[in-house]
């Protein structure tokens, strides 16, 4: 029997156990100049790593797994806002990548709910819908 466990905890995302793969949203221009993406860029130098691994360009919607970090490309340019449709597509892509790579633990902020202004109620419902049939634990961290 598969079972999704979705937990929300008040904690710093960057202090979670290393069994978790981290997840965040970015734009295909790789700006990463605001919000939690700044911390991801400063800590992991993702822009350079994503470009190095994708010389043909960064497309959206798409997902780039760099080490243990899922980079969900939900919009083209940093000032755009993602659609729920593109957001769901990236979640579905990430789900398949988790299956292929045997990933059972994800940790993320409230995706798309900061600067991107998506509704956490809708985002949470979408996460539950996409991962409902998967044996995975998703930890949502907020401060």
N, C-alpha and C. Protein backbone atom coordinates (compact mmCIF):
# COMPACT_ATOMS: atom_id res chain seq x y z
N UNK A 1 0.84 -1.18 0.00
CA UNK A 1 0.00 0.00 0.00
C UNK A 1 0.89 1.25 0.00
N UNK A 2 0.59 2.17 -0.89
CA UNK A 2 1.35 3.41 -0.94
C UNK A 2 0.70 4.44 -0.04
N UNK A 3 1.54 5.29 0.52
CA UNK A 3 1.01 6.28 1.43
C UNK A 3 1.82 7.56 1.37
N UNK A 4 1.14 8.63 1.02
CA UNK A 4 1.72 9.96 1.06
C UNK A 4 1.62 10.49 2.48
N UNK A 5 2.74 10.98 3.00
CA UNK A 5 2.75 11.67 4.28
C UNK A 5 3.14 13.11 3.98
N UNK A 6 2.25 14.04 4.26
CA UNK A 6 2.51 15.46 4.04
C UNK A 6 2.44 16.16 5.39
N UNK A 7 3.59 16.70 5.82
CA UNK A 7 3.68 17.36 7.12
C UNK A 7 4.08 18.81 6.92
N UNK A 8 3.55 19.68 7.75
CA UNK A 8 3.95 21.08 7.76
C UNK A 8 4.59 21.37 9.11
N UNK A 9 5.80 21.94 9.09
CA UNK A 9 6.49 22.25 10.33
C UNK A 9 7.12 23.63 10.27
N UNK A 10 7.09 24.30 11.41
CA UNK A 10 7.76 25.59 11.52
C UNK A 10 9.24 25.30 11.75
N UNK A 11 10.04 25.41 10.69
CA UNK A 11 11.47 25.15 10.80
C UNK A 11 12.18 25.67 9.58
N UNK A 12 13.46 25.89 9.72
CA UNK A 12 14.31 26.35 8.62
C UNK A 12 14.53 25.19 7.65
N UNK A 13 14.15 25.38 6.41
CA UNK A 13 14.29 24.34 5.38
C UNK A 13 15.72 23.83 5.29
N UNK A 14 16.69 24.70 5.49
CA UNK A 14 18.08 24.32 5.30
C UNK A 14 18.67 23.57 6.49
N UNK A 15 17.84 23.26 7.48
CA UNK A 15 18.32 22.48 8.63
C UNK A 15 17.71 21.08 8.66
N UNK A 16 16.98 20.68 7.62
CA UNK A 16 16.36 19.35 7.63
C UNK A 16 17.43 18.27 7.49
N UNK A 17 17.08 17.07 7.92
CA UNK A 17 17.95 15.91 7.81
C UNK A 17 18.38 15.70 6.36
N UNK A 18 19.57 15.19 6.15
CA UNK A 18 20.06 15.02 4.78
C UNK A 18 19.40 13.88 4.02
N UNK A 19 18.46 13.17 4.62
CA UNK A 19 17.70 12.17 3.87
C UNK A 19 16.72 12.83 2.89
N UNK A 20 16.43 14.12 3.14
CA UNK A 20 15.48 14.85 2.31
C UNK A 20 16.15 15.46 1.08
N UNK A 21 15.46 15.38 -0.05
CA UNK A 21 15.82 16.19 -1.22
C UNK A 21 15.06 17.51 -1.06
N UNK A 22 15.72 18.60 -1.36
CA UNK A 22 15.11 19.91 -1.23
C UNK A 22 14.42 20.30 -2.53
N UNK A 23 13.39 21.12 -2.44
CA UNK A 23 12.59 21.52 -3.59
C UNK A 23 12.36 23.02 -3.53
N UNK A 24 12.48 23.70 -4.69
CA UNK A 24 12.09 25.10 -4.77
C UNK A 24 11.73 25.43 -6.21
N UNK A 25 11.13 26.58 -6.41
CA UNK A 25 10.70 27.02 -7.74
C UNK A 25 11.63 28.11 -8.26
N UNK A 26 11.88 28.06 -9.57
CA UNK A 26 12.72 29.06 -10.23
C UNK A 26 12.11 29.41 -11.58
N UNK A 27 12.69 30.41 -12.23
CA UNK A 27 12.29 30.78 -13.59
C UNK A 27 13.36 30.30 -14.55
N UNK A 28 13.00 30.17 -15.83
CA UNK A 28 13.96 29.64 -16.81
C UNK A 28 15.10 30.62 -17.11
N UNK A 29 14.97 31.88 -16.69
CA UNK A 29 16.09 32.82 -16.85
C UNK A 29 17.12 32.67 -15.73
N UNK A 30 16.84 31.77 -14.76
CA UNK A 30 17.74 31.47 -13.64
C UNK A 30 18.14 32.70 -12.84
N UNK A 31 17.24 33.67 -12.74
CA UNK A 31 17.55 34.90 -12.02
C UNK A 31 17.89 34.63 -10.55
N UNK A 32 17.06 33.90 -9.87
CA UNK A 32 17.25 33.54 -8.46
C UNK A 32 17.73 34.73 -7.64
N UNK A 33 17.08 35.87 -7.82
CA UNK A 33 17.50 37.09 -7.16
C UNK A 33 16.60 37.57 -6.04
N UNK A 34 15.59 36.77 -5.71
CA UNK A 34 14.66 37.18 -4.64
C UNK A 34 14.08 35.93 -3.98
N UNK A 35 13.53 36.13 -2.80
CA UNK A 35 12.89 35.03 -2.08
C UNK A 35 13.88 33.96 -1.65
N UNK A 36 13.36 32.78 -1.44
CA UNK A 36 14.19 31.67 -0.95
C UNK A 36 15.19 31.20 -2.01
N UNK A 37 14.92 31.50 -3.28
CA UNK A 37 15.85 31.12 -4.35
C UNK A 37 17.23 31.76 -4.14
N UNK A 38 17.26 32.92 -3.53
CA UNK A 38 18.55 33.59 -3.24
C UNK A 38 19.38 32.70 -2.33
N UNK A 39 18.76 32.16 -1.28
CA UNK A 39 19.49 31.29 -0.35
C UNK A 39 19.96 30.02 -1.05
N UNK A 40 19.10 29.44 -1.90
CA UNK A 40 19.51 28.25 -2.65
C UNK A 40 20.72 28.57 -3.53
N UNK A 41 20.69 29.70 -4.21
CA UNK A 41 21.79 30.09 -5.09
C UNK A 41 23.07 30.33 -4.28
N UNK A 42 22.97 31.06 -3.19
CA UNK A 42 24.15 31.35 -2.38
C UNK A 42 24.76 30.08 -1.79
N UNK A 43 23.92 29.18 -1.35
CA UNK A 43 24.37 27.97 -0.67
C UNK A 43 24.89 26.89 -1.63
N UNK A 44 24.27 26.78 -2.81
CA UNK A 44 24.56 25.65 -3.69
C UNK A 44 25.06 26.02 -5.10
N UNK A 45 25.15 27.30 -5.41
CA UNK A 45 25.62 27.76 -6.72
C UNK A 45 24.86 27.06 -7.86
N UNK A 46 23.55 27.06 -7.76
CA UNK A 46 22.71 26.30 -8.69
C UNK A 46 22.72 26.85 -10.11
N UNK A 47 22.76 28.14 -10.26
CA UNK A 47 22.71 28.75 -11.60
C UNK A 47 23.80 28.15 -12.49
N UNK A 48 25.02 28.17 -12.00
CA UNK A 48 26.14 27.65 -12.78
C UNK A 48 25.99 26.15 -13.06
N UNK A 49 25.55 25.39 -12.07
CA UNK A 49 25.41 23.94 -12.23
C UNK A 49 24.30 23.60 -13.22
N UNK A 50 23.19 24.31 -13.15
CA UNK A 50 22.09 24.05 -14.09
C UNK A 50 22.53 24.39 -15.51
N UNK A 51 23.17 25.54 -15.69
CA UNK A 51 23.65 25.92 -17.03
C UNK A 51 24.66 24.92 -17.58
N UNK A 52 25.58 24.48 -16.74
CA UNK A 52 26.62 23.53 -17.16
C UNK A 52 26.00 22.22 -17.66
N UNK A 53 24.96 21.77 -16.98
CA UNK A 53 24.31 20.50 -17.33
C UNK A 53 23.29 20.62 -18.44
N UNK A 54 22.96 21.85 -18.87
CA UNK A 54 21.90 22.05 -19.86
C UNK A 54 22.33 23.11 -20.87
N UNK A 55 23.34 22.78 -21.65
CA UNK A 55 23.93 23.73 -22.59
C UNK A 55 22.96 24.18 -23.69
N UNK A 56 21.90 23.42 -23.92
CA UNK A 56 20.92 23.78 -24.95
C UNK A 56 19.87 24.76 -24.43
N UNK A 57 19.98 25.17 -23.18
CA UNK A 57 19.05 26.13 -22.63
C UNK A 57 18.13 25.53 -21.58
N UNK A 58 17.51 26.39 -20.84
CA UNK A 58 16.62 26.01 -19.75
C UNK A 58 15.19 26.22 -20.24
N UNK A 59 14.39 25.18 -20.18
CA UNK A 59 13.02 25.26 -20.66
C UNK A 59 12.04 25.23 -19.48
N UNK A 60 10.82 25.60 -19.76
CA UNK A 60 9.77 25.53 -18.74
C UNK A 60 8.47 25.13 -19.40
N UNK A 61 7.56 24.50 -18.70
CA UNK A 61 7.79 23.94 -17.37
C UNK A 61 8.77 22.77 -17.45
N UNK A 62 9.60 22.66 -16.43
CA UNK A 62 10.60 21.60 -16.40
C UNK A 62 11.11 21.45 -14.98
N UNK A 63 11.88 20.39 -14.76
CA UNK A 63 12.49 20.14 -13.46
C UNK A 63 13.94 19.75 -13.69
N UNK A 64 14.83 20.37 -12.95
CA UNK A 64 16.25 20.04 -13.02
C UNK A 64 16.69 19.58 -11.64
N UNK A 65 17.17 18.34 -11.57
CA UNK A 65 17.66 17.77 -10.32
C UNK A 65 19.17 17.96 -10.28
N UNK A 66 19.62 18.78 -9.35
CA UNK A 66 21.05 19.04 -9.18
C UNK A 66 21.43 18.53 -7.79
N UNK A 67 22.20 17.46 -7.74
CA UNK A 67 22.52 16.84 -6.46
C UNK A 67 21.24 16.37 -5.82
N UNK A 68 20.92 16.90 -4.64
CA UNK A 68 19.68 16.53 -3.96
C UNK A 68 18.67 17.68 -3.97
N UNK A 69 18.76 18.54 -4.99
CA UNK A 69 17.86 19.70 -5.07
C UNK A 69 17.04 19.66 -6.35
N UNK A 70 15.72 19.64 -6.17
CA UNK A 70 14.81 19.74 -7.30
C UNK A 70 14.55 21.22 -7.57
N UNK A 71 14.86 21.65 -8.79
CA UNK A 71 14.62 23.02 -9.23
C UNK A 71 13.42 22.97 -10.17
N UNK A 72 12.27 23.41 -9.70
CA UNK A 72 11.04 23.39 -10.50
C UNK A 72 10.95 24.69 -11.29
N UNK A 73 11.05 24.58 -12.60
CA UNK A 73 10.98 25.77 -13.46
C UNK A 73 9.51 25.96 -13.83
N UNK A 74 8.88 26.89 -13.12
CA UNK A 74 7.43 27.08 -13.24
C UNK A 74 7.05 28.28 -14.09
N UNK A 75 8.06 29.06 -14.52
CA UNK A 75 7.76 30.27 -15.31
C UNK A 75 8.99 30.62 -16.14
N UNK A 76 8.77 31.44 -17.17
CA UNK A 76 9.87 31.79 -18.07
C UNK A 76 10.80 32.85 -17.48
N UNK A 77 10.25 33.94 -17.02
CA UNK A 77 11.05 35.06 -16.53
C UNK A 77 10.71 35.35 -15.07
N UNK A 78 11.70 35.84 -14.34
CA UNK A 78 11.54 35.97 -12.89
C UNK A 78 10.36 36.85 -12.48
N UNK A 79 9.98 37.83 -13.30
CA UNK A 79 8.87 38.71 -12.89
C UNK A 79 7.51 38.14 -13.30
N UNK A 80 7.49 37.05 -14.05
CA UNK A 80 6.22 36.39 -14.39
C UNK A 80 5.67 35.68 -13.15
N UNK A 81 4.41 35.31 -13.22
CA UNK A 81 3.79 34.50 -12.19
C UNK A 81 3.45 33.14 -12.80
N UNK A 82 3.70 32.05 -12.08
CA UNK A 82 3.39 30.73 -12.64
C UNK A 82 1.89 30.50 -12.69
N UNK A 83 1.47 29.65 -13.62
CA UNK A 83 0.08 29.22 -13.64
C UNK A 83 -0.02 27.93 -12.80
N UNK A 84 -1.21 27.64 -12.33
CA UNK A 84 -1.40 26.39 -11.60
C UNK A 84 -1.13 25.20 -12.52
N UNK A 85 -1.43 25.35 -13.79
CA UNK A 85 -1.19 24.27 -14.75
C UNK A 85 0.30 23.96 -14.86
N UNK A 86 1.13 24.99 -15.07
CA UNK A 86 2.57 24.77 -15.15
C UNK A 86 3.13 24.24 -13.84
N UNK A 87 2.61 24.74 -12.73
CA UNK A 87 3.04 24.26 -11.43
C UNK A 87 2.75 22.76 -11.30
N UNK A 88 1.55 22.35 -11.68
CA UNK A 88 1.18 20.93 -11.59
C UNK A 88 2.04 20.07 -12.50
N UNK A 89 2.35 20.55 -13.69
CA UNK A 89 3.21 19.82 -14.61
C UNK A 89 4.58 19.57 -13.97
N UNK A 90 5.14 20.59 -13.32
CA UNK A 90 6.45 20.40 -12.70
C UNK A 90 6.37 19.40 -11.55
N UNK A 91 5.28 19.42 -10.80
CA UNK A 91 5.11 18.43 -9.72
C UNK A 91 5.04 17.02 -10.29
N UNK A 92 4.32 16.85 -11.40
CA UNK A 92 4.22 15.53 -12.02
C UNK A 92 5.59 15.05 -12.53
N UNK A 93 6.35 15.97 -13.10
CA UNK A 93 7.70 15.62 -13.56
C UNK A 93 8.58 15.22 -12.38
N UNK A 94 8.49 15.97 -11.28
CA UNK A 94 9.28 15.66 -10.10
C UNK A 94 8.87 14.31 -9.52
N UNK A 95 7.59 14.02 -9.52
CA UNK A 95 7.11 12.73 -9.02
C UNK A 95 7.75 11.58 -9.80
N UNK A 96 7.78 11.71 -11.13
CA UNK A 96 8.39 10.65 -11.95
C UNK A 96 9.88 10.53 -11.65
N UNK A 97 10.54 11.65 -11.47
CA UNK A 97 11.98 11.63 -11.16
C UNK A 97 12.21 10.98 -9.79
N UNK A 98 11.33 11.24 -8.84
CA UNK A 98 11.44 10.59 -7.53
C UNK A 98 11.32 9.08 -7.68
N UNK A 99 10.36 8.64 -8.47
CA UNK A 99 10.17 7.21 -8.71
C UNK A 99 11.40 6.58 -9.36
N UNK A 100 11.91 7.22 -10.40
CA UNK A 100 13.08 6.69 -11.12
C UNK A 100 14.31 6.62 -10.23
N UNK A 101 14.44 7.57 -9.32
CA UNK A 101 15.64 7.66 -8.48
C UNK A 101 15.45 7.10 -7.07
N UNK A 102 14.28 6.52 -6.80
CA UNK A 102 14.02 5.93 -5.49
C UNK A 102 13.99 6.93 -4.35
N UNK A 103 13.57 8.17 -4.64
CA UNK A 103 13.53 9.23 -3.64
C UNK A 103 12.23 9.13 -2.84
N UNK A 104 12.36 9.08 -1.53
CA UNK A 104 11.21 8.88 -0.63
C UNK A 104 10.95 10.05 0.30
N UNK A 105 11.83 11.07 0.29
CA UNK A 105 11.72 12.19 1.21
C UNK A 105 11.98 13.50 0.48
N UNK A 106 11.02 14.42 0.57
CA UNK A 106 11.16 15.76 0.00
C UNK A 106 10.92 16.80 1.09
N UNK A 107 11.67 17.89 1.03
CA UNK A 107 11.44 19.01 1.93
C UNK A 107 11.37 20.27 1.08
N UNK A 108 10.41 21.12 1.39
CA UNK A 108 10.16 22.29 0.55
C UNK A 108 9.55 23.41 1.37
N UNK A 109 9.67 24.64 0.85
CA UNK A 109 8.89 25.73 1.43
C UNK A 109 7.45 25.61 0.92
N UNK A 110 6.61 26.55 1.26
CA UNK A 110 5.26 26.58 0.68
C UNK A 110 5.43 27.05 -0.77
N UNK A 111 5.66 26.09 -1.66
CA UNK A 111 6.02 26.36 -3.05
C UNK A 111 5.07 27.33 -3.74
N UNK A 112 5.64 28.31 -4.40
CA UNK A 112 4.85 29.24 -5.21
C UNK A 112 4.01 30.23 -4.42
N UNK A 113 4.12 30.21 -3.10
CA UNK A 113 3.22 31.02 -2.28
C UNK A 113 3.84 32.30 -1.75
N UNK A 114 5.10 32.51 -2.02
CA UNK A 114 5.74 33.75 -1.61
C UNK A 114 5.58 34.79 -2.71
N UNK A 115 6.66 35.08 -3.38
CA UNK A 115 6.65 36.07 -4.45
C UNK A 115 5.75 35.69 -5.62
N UNK A 116 5.55 34.38 -5.83
CA UNK A 116 4.73 33.93 -6.96
C UNK A 116 3.23 34.02 -6.69
N UNK A 117 2.86 34.22 -5.45
CA UNK A 117 1.49 34.52 -5.04
C UNK A 117 0.44 33.45 -5.35
N UNK A 118 0.87 32.18 -5.42
CA UNK A 118 -0.12 31.11 -5.54
C UNK A 118 -0.75 30.90 -4.16
N UNK A 119 -1.92 30.32 -4.14
CA UNK A 119 -2.64 30.03 -2.90
C UNK A 119 -2.11 28.73 -2.28
N UNK A 120 -1.71 28.78 -1.01
CA UNK A 120 -1.22 27.56 -0.36
C UNK A 120 -2.30 26.49 -0.32
N UNK A 121 -3.54 26.86 -0.15
CA UNK A 121 -4.62 25.87 -0.14
C UNK A 121 -4.63 25.10 -1.47
N UNK A 122 -4.57 25.82 -2.58
CA UNK A 122 -4.57 25.17 -3.90
C UNK A 122 -3.28 24.40 -4.15
N UNK A 123 -2.15 24.97 -3.75
CA UNK A 123 -0.86 24.30 -3.94
C UNK A 123 -0.83 22.99 -3.16
N UNK A 124 -1.25 23.04 -1.91
CA UNK A 124 -1.27 21.83 -1.07
C UNK A 124 -2.18 20.77 -1.68
N UNK A 125 -3.36 21.17 -2.14
CA UNK A 125 -4.28 20.23 -2.79
C UNK A 125 -3.62 19.59 -4.01
N UNK A 126 -2.90 20.38 -4.78
CA UNK A 126 -2.24 19.87 -5.98
C UNK A 126 -1.14 18.89 -5.61
N UNK A 127 -0.35 19.21 -4.60
CA UNK A 127 0.70 18.29 -4.14
C UNK A 127 0.08 16.97 -3.69
N UNK A 128 -1.00 17.05 -2.91
CA UNK A 128 -1.68 15.84 -2.44
C UNK A 128 -2.24 15.03 -3.60
N UNK A 129 -2.80 15.71 -4.58
CA UNK A 129 -3.36 15.02 -5.76
C UNK A 129 -2.26 14.31 -6.55
N UNK A 130 -1.17 15.00 -6.80
CA UNK A 130 -0.10 14.44 -7.64
C UNK A 130 0.60 13.27 -6.93
N UNK A 131 0.87 13.40 -5.64
CA UNK A 131 1.66 12.40 -4.94
C UNK A 131 0.81 11.39 -4.17
N UNK A 132 -0.51 11.45 -4.31
CA UNK A 132 -1.43 10.62 -3.54
C UNK A 132 -1.14 9.13 -3.62
N UNK A 133 -0.70 8.64 -4.76
CA UNK A 133 -0.50 7.20 -4.94
C UNK A 133 0.97 6.79 -4.78
N UNK A 134 1.76 7.62 -4.13
CA UNK A 134 3.18 7.37 -4.01
C UNK A 134 3.57 7.23 -2.54
N UNK A 135 4.48 6.33 -2.27
CA UNK A 135 5.03 6.15 -0.93
C UNK A 135 6.15 7.17 -0.75
N UNK A 136 5.79 8.33 -0.17
CA UNK A 136 6.74 9.43 -0.04
C UNK A 136 6.35 10.30 1.15
N UNK A 137 7.36 10.88 1.78
CA UNK A 137 7.12 11.85 2.85
C UNK A 137 7.53 13.23 2.34
N UNK A 138 6.60 14.17 2.45
CA UNK A 138 6.87 15.55 2.03
C UNK A 138 6.76 16.43 3.27
N UNK A 139 7.86 17.13 3.55
CA UNK A 139 7.92 18.03 4.69
C UNK A 139 7.89 19.46 4.15
N UNK A 140 6.88 20.21 4.56
CA UNK A 140 6.76 21.61 4.16
C UNK A 140 7.24 22.46 5.33
N UNK A 141 8.30 23.23 5.08
CA UNK A 141 8.89 24.06 6.13
C UNK A 141 8.49 25.51 5.95
N UNK A 142 8.15 26.14 7.04
CA UNK A 142 7.84 27.56 7.01
C UNK A 142 8.42 28.21 8.27
N UNK A 143 8.69 29.49 8.19
CA UNK A 143 9.27 30.19 9.33
C UNK A 143 8.24 31.15 9.92
